[in-house]
Every structure is written in C-alpha cells, then in structure tokens.
C-alpha cells in the first residue's frame, strides 16, 4: 500500500510541476496550449532524471522558442 501512495504522489507532482510552469509561460504566450507545455516540460525533466544534470533547465526554453 505505501508504494501506491508513493507512486500517486510522484504522478501528481509530475503533473503539477508542468502546470505551474505553464502558468508562467502563459504570461508571455497566452495561446500556448497546456499539452504543448506538458510535452516540453517532460522533455526538460527527462535529462534531470536520467543524467542528474540541469540540462533540462536549458532544454525547456529552447524547445519553447521553437514551438
């Protein structure tokens, strides 16, 4: 049972983090859909999880500028 609570928390955190980032992006790009912000955020989070570097912090703005 504790593992299910842990997995639910991780899932919720990984949805709330992109939503918070989406709210900040909407100040600059009001027509930015949440789905696109979610994809960009997940791509930015992936290097942090896999490589443990902050490369994702640079990947998100680069992908957003190309969108």
C-alpha atoms as a PDB file:
ATOM      1  CA  UNK A   1       0.000   0.000   0.000  1.00  0.00           C
ATOM      2  CA  UNK A   2       2.750   2.570   0.763  1.00  0.00           C
ATOM      3  CA  UNK A   3       4.179   2.053  -2.724  1.00  0.00           C
ATOM      4  CA  UNK A   4       0.841   3.029  -4.277  1.00  0.00           C
ATOM      5  CA  UNK A   5       0.744   6.220  -2.214  1.00  0.00           C
ATOM      6  CA  UNK A   6       4.305   6.985  -3.295  1.00  0.00           C
ATOM      7  CA  UNK A   7       3.518   6.387  -6.978  1.00  0.00           C
ATOM      8  CA  UNK A   8       0.370   8.528  -6.750  1.00  0.00           C
ATOM      9  CA  UNK A   9       2.381  11.366  -5.187  1.00  0.00           C
ATOM     10  CA  UNK A  10       5.038  11.165  -7.903  1.00  0.00           C
ATOM     11  CA  UNK A  11       2.345  11.185 -10.603  1.00  0.00           C
ATOM     12  CA  UNK A  12       0.631  14.234  -9.093  1.00  0.00           C
ATOM     13  CA  UNK A  13       3.923  16.077  -8.632  1.00  0.00           C
ATOM     14  CA  UNK A  14       4.878  15.443 -12.253  1.00  0.00           C
ATOM     15  CA  UNK A  15       1.569  16.943 -13.364  1.00  0.00           C
ATOM     16  CA  UNK A  16       1.617  19.946 -11.021  1.00  0.00           C
ATOM     17  CA  UNK A  17       5.161  20.990 -11.918  1.00  0.00           C
ATOM     18  CA  UNK A  18       4.362  21.398 -15.647  1.00  0.00           C
ATOM     19  CA  UNK A  19       1.092  23.147 -14.779  1.00  0.00           C
ATOM     20  CA  UNK A  20       2.953  25.704 -12.641  1.00  0.00           C
ATOM     21  CA  UNK A  21       5.450  26.213 -15.462  1.00  0.00           C
ATOM     22  CA  UNK A  22       2.557  26.537 -17.944  1.00  0.00           C
ATOM     23  CA  UNK A  23       1.048  29.359 -15.877  1.00  0.00           C
ATOM     24  CA  UNK A  24       4.340  31.256 -16.043  1.00  0.00           C
ATOM     25  CA  UNK A  25       4.640  30.672 -19.813  1.00  0.00           C
ATOM     26  CA  UNK A  26       1.060  31.875 -20.403  1.00  0.00           C
ATOM     27  CA  UNK A  27       2.106  35.308 -19.188  1.00  0.00           C
ATOM     28  CA  UNK A  28       4.349  35.554 -22.256  1.00  0.00           C
ATOM     29  CA  UNK A  29       2.432  33.327 -24.700  1.00  0.00           C
ATOM     30  CA  UNK A  30      -1.311  33.391 -23.899  1.00  0.00           C
ATOM     31  CA  UNK A  31      -2.172  30.962 -26.721  1.00  0.00           C
ATOM     32  CA  UNK A  32       0.218  28.255 -25.502  1.00  0.00           C
ATOM     33  CA  UNK A  33      -1.829  25.032 -25.043  1.00  0.00           C
ATOM     34  CA  UNK A  34      -1.245  23.008 -21.881  1.00  0.00           C
ATOM     35  CA  UNK A  35      -0.490  19.864 -23.906  1.00  0.00           C
ATOM     36  CA  UNK A  36       2.470  21.535 -25.559  1.00  0.00           C
ATOM     37  CA  UNK A  37       3.717  22.871 -22.222  1.00  0.00           C
ATOM     38  CA  UNK A  38       3.349  19.387 -20.758  1.00  0.00           C
ATOM     39  CA  UNK A  39       5.421  17.794 -23.548  1.00  0.00           C
ATOM     40  CA  UNK A  40       8.123  20.454 -23.298  1.00  0.00           C
ATOM     41  CA  UNK A  41       8.235  20.136 -19.530  1.00  0.00           C
ATOM     42  CA  UNK A  42       8.524  16.332 -19.671  1.00  0.00           C
ATOM     43  CA  UNK A  43      11.342  16.633 -22.199  1.00  0.00           C
ATOM     44  CA  UNK A  44      13.035  19.090 -19.845  1.00  0.00           C
ATOM     45  CA  UNK A  45      12.559  16.815 -16.829  1.00  0.00           C
ATOM     46  CA  UNK A  46      13.906  13.709 -18.606  1.00  0.00           C
ATOM     47  CA  UNK A  47      17.603  14.765 -18.636  1.00  0.00           C
ATOM     48  CA  UNK A  48      17.390  15.702 -14.964  1.00  0.00           C
ATOM     49  CA  UNK A  49      16.064  12.251 -14.087  1.00  0.00           C
ATOM     50  CA  UNK A  50      18.320  10.245 -16.420  1.00  0.00           C
ATOM     51  CA  UNK A  51      21.602  12.147 -16.211  1.00  0.00           C
ATOM     52  CA  UNK A  52      21.133  14.068 -12.947  1.00  0.00           C
ATOM     53  CA  UNK A  53      22.176  17.304 -14.591  1.00  0.00           C
ATOM     54  CA  UNK A  54      20.300  20.541 -15.048  1.00  0.00           C
ATOM     55  CA  UNK A  55      20.370  20.235 -18.834  1.00  0.00           C
ATOM     56  CA  UNK A  56      16.578  20.242 -18.725  1.00  0.00           C
ATOM     57  CA  UNK A  57      16.613  23.814 -17.481  1.00  0.00           C
ATOM     58  CA  UNK A  58      18.135  24.801 -20.827  1.00  0.00           C
ATOM     59  CA  UNK A  59      16.110  22.382 -22.947  1.00  0.00           C
ATOM     60  CA  UNK A  60      12.698  23.783 -21.991  1.00  0.00           C
ATOM     61  CA  UNK A  61      13.286  27.405 -23.095  1.00  0.00           C
ATOM     62  CA  UNK A  62      14.976  26.187 -26.298  1.00  0.00           C
ATOM     63  CA  UNK A  63      12.001  23.944 -27.154  1.00  0.00           C
ATOM     64  CA  UNK A  64       9.547  26.691 -26.254  1.00  0.00           C
ATOM     65  CA  UNK A  65      11.271  29.131 -28.596  1.00  0.00           C
ATOM     66  CA  UNK A  66      10.952  26.619 -31.451  1.00  0.00           C
ATOM     67  CA  UNK A  67       7.248  25.934 -30.786  1.00  0.00           C
END
